[in-house]
């Protein structure tokens, strides 16, 4: 019996380093800095929101040019034709400026450029809801601007 115990003990001792390494590896993996899914959602939504801004921002120059061209064509007989297009372009411009101000007031440069740093789940969810609202406003702003530009260009043809 003693022989069996000694043989069993040797097998265990031979495997002990592997068991030890497996336990250490498991501990390291389990203690890793895992991020809540809301962090990834926030960062993805932030990238999408900034992409809309980056898409629309160059159109501000085009809006100003179109307003100038429409103003130049407008006289007392064509006010009804050109004034609504000018108003839409100005509204689109104002929406962009307002959206940028609100967005800059709501989100820090770190959140915009590097993503969210919060760990508290309730705070993350709150910031994500705020970002969702900003994203929806950005989509609305983009759609308005694109439509206003398209309508103005059609009038100028």
N, C-alpha and C. Protein backbone atom coordinates (compact mmCIF):
# COMPACT_ATOMS: atom_id res chain seq x y z
N UNK A 1 0.81 -1.18 0.00
CA UNK A 1 0.00 0.00 0.00
C UNK A 1 0.87 1.26 0.00
N UNK A 2 1.91 1.22 0.77
CA UNK A 2 2.81 2.37 0.85
C UNK A 2 3.44 2.65 -0.51
N UNK A 3 3.71 1.63 -1.27
CA UNK A 3 4.28 1.77 -2.59
C UNK A 3 3.33 2.52 -3.51
N UNK A 4 2.01 2.19 -3.47
CA UNK A 4 1.01 2.86 -4.29
C UNK A 4 0.90 4.34 -3.94
N UNK A 5 0.94 4.63 -2.62
CA UNK A 5 0.86 6.02 -2.18
C UNK A 5 2.05 6.81 -2.68
N UNK A 6 3.24 6.25 -2.60
CA UNK A 6 4.45 6.92 -3.05
C UNK A 6 4.40 7.15 -4.55
N UNK A 7 3.94 6.17 -5.30
CA UNK A 7 3.84 6.30 -6.74
C UNK A 7 2.83 7.41 -7.11
N UNK A 8 1.70 7.43 -6.42
CA UNK A 8 0.67 8.45 -6.65
C UNK A 8 1.20 9.85 -6.30
N UNK A 9 1.90 9.95 -5.18
CA UNK A 9 2.45 11.23 -4.74
C UNK A 9 3.46 11.76 -5.75
N UNK A 10 4.27 10.88 -6.33
CA UNK A 10 5.26 11.31 -7.33
C UNK A 10 4.56 11.87 -8.57
N UNK A 11 3.47 11.21 -8.99
CA UNK A 11 2.74 11.69 -10.17
C UNK A 11 2.17 13.08 -9.90
N UNK A 12 1.63 13.28 -8.73
CA UNK A 12 1.06 14.58 -8.37
C UNK A 12 2.17 15.64 -8.33
N UNK A 13 3.27 15.30 -7.69
CA UNK A 13 4.37 16.25 -7.59
C UNK A 13 4.94 16.62 -8.96
N UNK A 14 4.93 15.67 -9.89
CA UNK A 14 5.43 15.94 -11.24
C UNK A 14 4.51 16.90 -11.97
N UNK A 15 3.22 16.84 -11.67
CA UNK A 15 2.25 17.69 -12.37
C UNK A 15 2.00 19.01 -11.64
N UNK A 16 2.51 19.14 -10.46
CA UNK A 16 2.27 20.33 -9.64
C UNK A 16 2.66 21.63 -10.32
N UNK A 17 3.81 21.71 -10.99
CA UNK A 17 4.14 22.98 -11.67
C UNK A 17 3.11 23.36 -12.73
N UNK A 18 2.62 22.37 -13.47
CA UNK A 18 1.62 22.65 -14.50
C UNK A 18 0.31 23.12 -13.89
N UNK A 19 -0.08 22.48 -12.80
CA UNK A 19 -1.30 22.88 -12.09
C UNK A 19 -1.13 24.30 -11.55
N UNK A 20 0.03 24.59 -10.99
CA UNK A 20 0.32 25.91 -10.45
C UNK A 20 0.24 26.98 -11.55
N UNK A 21 0.87 26.70 -12.70
CA UNK A 21 0.83 27.65 -13.80
C UNK A 21 -0.59 27.85 -14.33
N UNK A 22 -1.35 26.79 -14.39
CA UNK A 22 -2.74 26.89 -14.85
C UNK A 22 -3.56 27.74 -13.89
N UNK A 23 -3.34 27.57 -12.60
CA UNK A 23 -4.07 28.38 -11.62
C UNK A 23 -3.68 29.86 -11.72
N UNK A 24 -2.41 30.13 -11.87
CA UNK A 24 -1.93 31.52 -12.00
C UNK A 24 -2.51 32.15 -13.27
N UNK A 25 -2.49 31.42 -14.38
CA UNK A 25 -3.03 31.93 -15.63
C UNK A 25 -4.53 32.21 -15.49
N UNK A 26 -5.24 31.31 -14.86
CA UNK A 26 -6.68 31.51 -14.63
C UNK A 26 -6.94 32.74 -13.77
N UNK A 27 -6.13 32.94 -12.78
CA UNK A 27 -6.27 34.10 -11.91
C UNK A 27 -6.01 35.40 -12.68
N UNK A 28 -4.99 35.41 -13.48
CA UNK A 28 -4.67 36.60 -14.28
C UNK A 28 -5.80 36.92 -15.24
N UNK A 29 -6.32 35.93 -15.90
CA UNK A 29 -7.40 36.14 -16.87
C UNK A 29 -8.66 36.63 -16.16
N UNK A 30 -8.97 36.03 -15.02
CA UNK A 30 -10.21 36.41 -14.33
C UNK A 30 -10.12 37.80 -13.72
N UNK A 31 -8.91 38.27 -13.43
CA UNK A 31 -8.75 39.60 -12.84
C UNK A 31 -8.51 40.66 -13.90
N UNK A 32 -8.57 40.29 -15.16
CA UNK A 32 -8.31 41.24 -16.24
C UNK A 32 -9.29 42.40 -16.19
N UNK A 33 -8.92 43.49 -16.81
CA UNK A 33 -9.74 44.70 -16.82
C UNK A 33 -10.79 44.58 -17.93
N UNK A 34 -11.87 43.91 -17.62
CA UNK A 34 -12.92 43.76 -18.61
C UNK A 34 -13.82 45.00 -18.58
N UNK A 35 -14.23 45.41 -19.76
CA UNK A 35 -15.06 46.60 -19.88
C UNK A 35 -16.52 46.17 -20.02
N UNK A 36 -17.41 46.92 -19.41
CA UNK A 36 -18.84 46.64 -19.64
C UNK A 36 -19.18 46.88 -21.11
N UNK A 37 -20.19 46.20 -21.60
CA UNK A 37 -20.58 46.33 -23.01
C UNK A 37 -20.99 47.77 -23.32
N UNK A 38 -21.45 48.50 -22.33
CA UNK A 38 -21.85 49.89 -22.55
C UNK A 38 -20.68 50.77 -22.97
N UNK A 39 -19.47 50.43 -22.52
CA UNK A 39 -18.28 51.19 -22.91
C UNK A 39 -18.08 51.05 -24.42
N UNK A 40 -18.15 49.81 -24.89
CA UNK A 40 -17.99 49.57 -26.33
C UNK A 40 -19.11 50.24 -27.13
N UNK A 41 -20.34 50.16 -26.61
CA UNK A 41 -21.47 50.80 -27.28
C UNK A 41 -21.26 52.31 -27.35
N UNK A 42 -20.83 52.90 -26.24
CA UNK A 42 -20.59 54.35 -26.20
C UNK A 42 -19.53 54.74 -27.22
N UNK A 43 -18.41 54.03 -27.21
CA UNK A 43 -17.31 54.38 -28.09
C UNK A 43 -17.70 54.22 -29.56
N UNK A 44 -18.46 53.19 -29.87
CA UNK A 44 -18.92 52.98 -31.25
C UNK A 44 -19.88 54.10 -31.67
N UNK A 45 -20.82 54.43 -30.78
CA UNK A 45 -21.80 55.49 -31.07
C UNK A 45 -21.10 56.84 -31.19
N UNK A 46 -20.07 57.07 -30.38
CA UNK A 46 -19.32 58.32 -30.47
C UNK A 46 -18.64 58.42 -31.83
N UNK A 47 -18.03 57.33 -32.27
CA UNK A 47 -17.38 57.32 -33.59
C UNK A 47 -18.40 57.61 -34.70
N UNK A 48 -19.58 57.03 -34.61
CA UNK A 48 -20.62 57.25 -35.61
C UNK A 48 -21.10 58.70 -35.59
N UNK A 49 -21.23 59.25 -34.40
CA UNK A 49 -21.70 60.63 -34.26
C UNK A 49 -20.68 61.61 -34.82
N UNK A 50 -19.42 61.39 -34.49
CA UNK A 50 -18.36 62.26 -35.00
C UNK A 50 -18.26 62.12 -36.52
N UNK A 51 -18.48 60.92 -37.05
CA UNK A 51 -18.45 60.71 -38.50
C UNK A 51 -19.52 61.55 -39.20
N UNK A 52 -20.70 61.67 -38.58
CA UNK A 52 -21.74 62.52 -39.16
C UNK A 52 -21.29 63.96 -39.17
N UNK A 53 -20.73 64.41 -38.06
CA UNK A 53 -20.22 65.79 -37.99
C UNK A 53 -19.18 66.01 -39.09
N UNK A 54 -18.24 65.08 -39.20
CA UNK A 54 -17.16 65.22 -40.19
C UNK A 54 -17.69 65.19 -41.62
N UNK A 55 -18.77 64.50 -41.83
CA UNK A 55 -19.40 64.45 -43.16
C UNK A 55 -20.08 65.77 -43.50
N UNK A 56 -20.72 66.37 -42.51
CA UNK A 56 -21.54 67.56 -42.74
C UNK A 56 -20.74 68.86 -42.66
N UNK A 57 -19.71 68.89 -41.87
CA UNK A 57 -18.96 70.14 -41.65
C UNK A 57 -18.48 70.79 -42.95
N UNK A 58 -17.93 70.04 -43.89
CA UNK A 58 -17.50 70.68 -45.14
C UNK A 58 -18.65 71.33 -45.92
N UNK A 59 -19.86 70.92 -45.65
CA UNK A 59 -21.02 71.47 -46.35
C UNK A 59 -21.36 72.90 -45.89
N UNK A 60 -20.78 73.35 -44.79
CA UNK A 60 -21.07 74.70 -44.30
C UNK A 60 -20.63 75.75 -45.32
N UNK A 61 -19.50 75.52 -45.94
CA UNK A 61 -19.03 76.44 -46.97
C UNK A 61 -19.99 76.44 -48.15
N UNK A 62 -20.41 75.26 -48.53
CA UNK A 62 -21.35 75.11 -49.65
C UNK A 62 -22.67 75.82 -49.34
N UNK A 63 -23.13 75.71 -48.11
CA UNK A 63 -24.37 76.39 -47.71
C UNK A 63 -24.23 77.89 -47.90
N UNK A 64 -23.12 78.44 -47.42
CA UNK A 64 -22.91 79.89 -47.56
C UNK A 64 -22.83 80.31 -49.03
N UNK A 65 -22.18 79.51 -49.84
CA UNK A 65 -22.09 79.82 -51.27
C UNK A 65 -23.48 79.77 -51.92
N UNK A 66 -24.26 78.76 -51.58
CA UNK A 66 -25.61 78.64 -52.16
C UNK A 66 -26.50 79.80 -51.73
N UNK A 67 -26.39 80.20 -50.47
CA UNK A 67 -27.17 81.35 -50.00
C UNK A 67 -26.81 82.58 -50.83
N UNK A 68 -25.52 82.80 -51.06
CA UNK A 68 -25.08 83.94 -51.86
C UNK A 68 -25.61 83.87 -53.29
N UNK A 69 -25.57 82.68 -53.88
CA UNK A 69 -26.06 82.53 -55.25
C UNK A 69 -27.57 82.75 -55.33
N UNK A 70 -28.29 82.23 -54.36
CA UNK A 70 -29.75 82.41 -54.36
C UNK A 70 -30.10 83.88 -54.11
N UNK A 71 -29.38 84.52 -53.20
CA UNK A 71 -29.60 85.95 -52.94
C UNK A 71 -29.38 86.77 -54.20
N UNK A 72 -28.35 86.43 -54.95
CA UNK A 72 -28.03 87.17 -56.17
C UNK A 72 -29.13 87.02 -57.22
N UNK A 73 -29.79 85.89 -57.25
CA UNK A 73 -30.86 85.67 -58.24
C UNK A 73 -32.20 86.23 -57.78
N UNK A 74 -32.32 86.51 -56.51
CA UNK A 74 -33.60 86.92 -55.96
C UNK A 74 -33.85 88.41 -56.20
N UNK A 75 -35.02 88.69 -56.69
CA UNK A 75 -35.49 90.08 -56.79
C UNK A 75 -36.94 90.07 -56.32
N UNK A 76 -37.61 91.19 -56.47
CA UNK A 76 -38.98 91.31 -55.95
C UNK A 76 -39.94 90.33 -56.61
N UNK A 77 -39.62 89.88 -57.80
CA UNK A 77 -40.54 88.95 -58.49
C UNK A 77 -40.23 87.48 -58.18
N UNK A 78 -39.06 87.20 -57.61
CA UNK A 78 -38.68 85.80 -57.35
C UNK A 78 -38.50 85.47 -55.87
N UNK A 79 -38.93 86.39 -55.01
CA UNK A 79 -38.78 86.16 -53.57
C UNK A 79 -39.46 84.85 -53.16
N UNK A 80 -40.66 84.62 -53.64
CA UNK A 80 -41.43 83.41 -53.29
C UNK A 80 -40.69 82.15 -53.71
N UNK A 81 -39.91 82.24 -54.77
CA UNK A 81 -39.20 81.07 -55.30
C UNK A 81 -37.94 80.76 -54.51
N UNK A 82 -37.17 81.78 -54.15
CA UNK A 82 -35.86 81.57 -53.55
C UNK A 82 -35.81 81.69 -52.02
N UNK A 83 -36.70 82.46 -51.45
CA UNK A 83 -36.66 82.71 -50.00
C UNK A 83 -36.79 81.42 -49.17
N UNK A 84 -37.70 80.49 -49.49
CA UNK A 84 -37.78 79.25 -48.69
C UNK A 84 -36.49 78.42 -48.72
N UNK A 85 -35.83 78.39 -49.87
CA UNK A 85 -34.57 77.64 -49.98
C UNK A 85 -33.48 78.30 -49.14
N UNK A 86 -33.44 79.62 -49.16
CA UNK A 86 -32.46 80.35 -48.34
C UNK A 86 -32.73 80.09 -46.86
N UNK A 87 -34.00 80.13 -46.48
CA UNK A 87 -34.38 79.88 -45.09
C UNK A 87 -33.97 78.47 -44.66
N UNK A 88 -34.21 77.48 -45.53
CA UNK A 88 -33.81 76.10 -45.21
C UNK A 88 -32.30 75.97 -45.05
N UNK A 89 -31.55 76.63 -45.92
CA UNK A 89 -30.09 76.59 -45.81
C UNK A 89 -29.62 77.23 -44.51
N UNK A 90 -30.20 78.38 -44.18
CA UNK A 90 -29.82 79.06 -42.93
C UNK A 90 -30.21 78.22 -41.71
N UNK A 91 -31.35 77.57 -41.78
CA UNK A 91 -31.78 76.70 -40.67
C UNK A 91 -30.81 75.53 -40.51
N UNK A 92 -30.39 74.96 -41.64
CA UNK A 92 -29.41 73.87 -41.59
C UNK A 92 -28.10 74.33 -40.97
N UNK A 93 -27.66 75.50 -41.36
CA UNK A 93 -26.43 76.08 -40.80
C UNK A 93 -26.59 76.28 -39.29
N UNK A 94 -27.72 76.86 -38.90
CA UNK A 94 -27.98 77.09 -37.47
C UNK A 94 -28.05 75.78 -36.69
N UNK A 95 -28.66 74.75 -37.30
CA UNK A 95 -28.73 73.45 -36.63
C UNK A 95 -27.33 72.90 -36.38
N UNK A 96 -26.45 73.05 -37.34
CA UNK A 96 -25.08 72.57 -37.19
C UNK A 96 -24.37 73.32 -36.07
N UNK A 97 -24.48 74.62 -36.07
CA UNK A 97 -23.81 75.41 -35.04
C UNK A 97 -24.35 75.09 -33.64
N UNK A 98 -25.67 74.97 -33.54
CA UNK A 98 -26.29 74.65 -32.26
C UNK A 98 -25.89 73.25 -31.80
N UNK A 99 -25.91 72.29 -32.74
CA UNK A 99 -25.54 70.92 -32.39
C UNK A 99 -24.09 70.87 -31.89
N UNK A 100 -23.18 71.55 -32.59
CA UNK A 100 -21.77 71.53 -32.17
C UNK A 100 -21.59 72.14 -30.79
N UNK A 101 -22.28 73.24 -30.52
CA UNK A 101 -22.16 73.87 -29.19
C UNK A 101 -22.68 72.93 -28.11
N UNK A 102 -23.88 72.39 -28.33
CA UNK A 102 -24.46 71.48 -27.34
C UNK A 102 -23.60 70.24 -27.13
N UNK A 103 -23.09 69.70 -28.22
CA UNK A 103 -22.26 68.50 -28.15
C UNK A 103 -20.98 68.79 -27.37
N UNK A 104 -20.35 69.93 -27.66
CA UNK A 104 -19.13 70.32 -26.96
C UNK A 104 -19.37 70.60 -25.49
N UNK A 105 -20.56 71.12 -25.17
CA UNK A 105 -20.90 71.37 -23.77
C UNK A 105 -21.18 70.06 -23.03
N UNK A 106 -21.74 69.09 -23.72
CA UNK A 106 -22.18 67.85 -23.09
C UNK A 106 -21.06 66.83 -22.91
N UNK A 107 -20.12 66.78 -23.88
CA UNK A 107 -19.09 65.75 -23.84
C UNK A 107 -17.71 66.37 -23.74
N UNK A 108 -16.88 65.75 -22.91
CA UNK A 108 -15.52 66.24 -22.74
C UNK A 108 -14.67 65.86 -23.96
N UNK A 109 -13.55 66.55 -24.11
CA UNK A 109 -12.63 66.23 -25.20
C UNK A 109 -12.12 64.80 -25.06
N UNK A 110 -11.93 64.35 -23.83
CA UNK A 110 -11.48 62.98 -23.59
C UNK A 110 -12.52 61.98 -24.09
N UNK A 111 -13.79 62.22 -23.76
CA UNK A 111 -14.86 61.32 -24.21
C UNK A 111 -14.94 61.30 -25.73
N UNK A 112 -14.77 62.46 -26.34
CA UNK A 112 -14.88 62.55 -27.79
C UNK A 112 -13.69 61.88 -28.47
N UNK A 113 -12.48 62.12 -27.97
CA UNK A 113 -11.27 61.65 -28.65
C UNK A 113 -10.78 60.28 -28.19
N UNK A 114 -11.02 59.95 -26.93
CA UNK A 114 -10.44 58.71 -26.39
C UNK A 114 -11.49 57.71 -25.91
N UNK A 115 -12.74 58.12 -25.90
CA UNK A 115 -13.79 57.22 -25.42
C UNK A 115 -14.10 57.45 -23.96
N UNK A 116 -15.07 56.72 -23.49
CA UNK A 116 -15.56 56.91 -22.12
C UNK A 116 -14.62 56.22 -21.14
N UNK A 117 -14.43 56.82 -19.98
CA UNK A 117 -13.53 56.28 -18.96
C UNK A 117 -14.29 55.80 -17.72
N UNK A 118 -15.60 55.93 -17.71
CA UNK A 118 -16.39 55.58 -16.54
C UNK A 118 -16.45 54.08 -16.33
N UNK A 119 -16.54 53.67 -15.08
CA UNK A 119 -16.68 52.26 -14.74
C UNK A 119 -18.06 51.99 -14.15
N UNK A 120 -18.68 53.00 -13.54
CA UNK A 120 -19.98 52.85 -12.91
C UNK A 120 -21.05 52.60 -13.98
N UNK A 121 -21.76 51.48 -13.88
CA UNK A 121 -22.70 51.07 -14.90
C UNK A 121 -23.85 52.06 -15.07
N UNK A 122 -24.37 52.60 -13.99
CA UNK A 122 -25.47 53.57 -14.10
C UNK A 122 -25.02 54.84 -14.81
N UNK A 123 -23.82 55.31 -14.50
CA UNK A 123 -23.29 56.50 -15.17
C UNK A 123 -23.04 56.23 -16.64
N UNK A 124 -22.54 55.03 -16.95
CA UNK A 124 -22.32 54.65 -18.34
C UNK A 124 -23.62 54.66 -19.13
N UNK A 125 -24.65 54.09 -18.54
CA UNK A 125 -25.94 54.02 -19.22
C UNK A 125 -26.51 55.42 -19.43
N UNK A 126 -26.33 56.29 -18.47
CA UNK A 126 -26.80 57.67 -18.59
C UNK A 126 -26.06 58.40 -19.71
N UNK A 127 -24.74 58.25 -19.75
CA UNK A 127 -23.95 58.90 -20.80
C UNK A 127 -24.31 58.35 -22.18
N UNK A 128 -24.60 57.05 -22.24
CA UNK A 128 -24.97 56.42 -23.50
C UNK A 128 -26.31 56.96 -23.99
N UNK A 129 -27.26 57.16 -23.08
CA UNK A 129 -28.56 57.75 -23.47
C UNK A 129 -28.36 59.17 -23.98
N UNK A 130 -27.52 59.93 -23.33
CA UNK A 130 -27.25 61.30 -23.78
C UNK A 130 -26.60 61.29 -25.16
N UNK A 131 -25.67 60.37 -25.37
CA UNK A 131 -25.01 60.26 -26.67
C UNK A 131 -26.01 59.82 -27.74
N UNK A 132 -26.90 58.92 -27.40
CA UNK A 132 -27.93 58.50 -28.37
C UNK A 132 -28.76 59.70 -28.82
N UNK A 133 -29.12 60.57 -27.88
CA UNK A 133 -29.87 61.78 -28.23
C UNK A 133 -29.06 62.68 -29.17
N UNK A 134 -27.78 62.85 -28.86
CA UNK A 134 -26.92 63.68 -29.71
C UNK A 134 -26.77 63.07 -31.10
N UNK A 135 -26.69 61.76 -31.15
CA UNK A 135 -26.58 61.06 -32.44
C UNK A 135 -27.85 61.30 -33.27
N UNK A 136 -29.00 61.16 -32.65
CA UNK A 136 -30.27 61.38 -33.37
C UNK A 136 -30.37 62.82 -33.88
N UNK A 137 -29.93 63.76 -33.07
CA UNK A 137 -29.92 65.16 -33.49
C UNK A 137 -28.96 65.37 -34.66
N UNK A 138 -27.82 64.68 -34.62
CA UNK A 138 -26.85 64.80 -35.72
C UNK A 138 -27.42 64.22 -37.01
N UNK A 139 -28.13 63.11 -36.92
CA UNK A 139 -28.76 62.52 -38.10
C UNK A 139 -29.81 63.48 -38.66
N UNK A 140 -30.61 64.06 -37.79
CA UNK A 140 -31.63 65.02 -38.22
C UNK A 140 -30.98 66.23 -38.89
N UNK A 141 -29.91 66.73 -38.28
CA UNK A 141 -29.19 67.88 -38.83
C UNK A 141 -28.63 67.55 -40.21
N UNK A 142 -27.98 66.39 -40.33
CA UNK A 142 -27.41 65.97 -41.61
C UNK A 142 -28.50 65.86 -42.69
N UNK A 143 -29.60 65.23 -42.35
CA UNK A 143 -30.68 65.06 -43.32
C UNK A 143 -31.24 66.41 -43.76
N UNK A 144 -31.42 67.32 -42.81
CA UNK A 144 -31.93 68.65 -43.14
C UNK A 144 -30.96 69.37 -44.08
N UNK A 145 -29.69 69.34 -43.75
CA UNK A 145 -28.68 70.04 -44.55
C UNK A 145 -28.60 69.44 -45.96
N UNK A 146 -28.56 68.14 -46.05
CA UNK A 146 -28.49 67.51 -47.37
C UNK A 146 -29.71 67.85 -48.23
N UNK A 147 -30.88 67.84 -47.62
CA UNK A 147 -32.09 68.18 -48.36
C UNK A 147 -32.10 69.65 -48.77
N UNK A 148 -31.68 70.52 -47.87
CA UNK A 148 -31.65 71.96 -48.18
C UNK A 148 -30.67 72.25 -49.33
N UNK A 149 -29.52 71.60 -49.29
CA UNK A 149 -28.53 71.79 -50.36
C UNK A 149 -29.08 71.27 -51.69
N UNK A 150 -29.64 70.10 -51.65
CA UNK A 150 -30.20 69.51 -52.87
C UNK A 150 -31.28 70.39 -53.47
N UNK A 151 -32.19 70.89 -52.64
CA UNK A 151 -33.26 71.77 -53.13
C UNK A 151 -32.69 73.07 -53.70
N UNK A 152 -31.71 73.65 -53.03
CA UNK A 152 -31.11 74.90 -53.50
C UNK A 152 -30.40 74.68 -54.85
N UNK A 153 -29.69 73.56 -54.95
CA UNK A 153 -29.00 73.28 -56.22
C UNK A 153 -29.99 73.09 -57.37
N UNK A 154 -31.11 72.47 -57.08
CA UNK A 154 -32.13 72.31 -58.13
C UNK A 154 -32.68 73.66 -58.58
N UNK A 155 -32.85 74.57 -57.65
CA UNK A 155 -33.34 75.90 -58.00
C UNK A 155 -32.35 76.68 -58.86
N UNK A 156 -31.10 76.42 -58.65
CA UNK A 156 -30.05 77.15 -59.37
C UNK A 156 -29.77 76.60 -60.77
N UNK A 157 -30.33 75.45 -61.09
CA UNK A 157 -30.08 74.87 -62.42
C UNK A 157 -30.94 75.53 -63.47
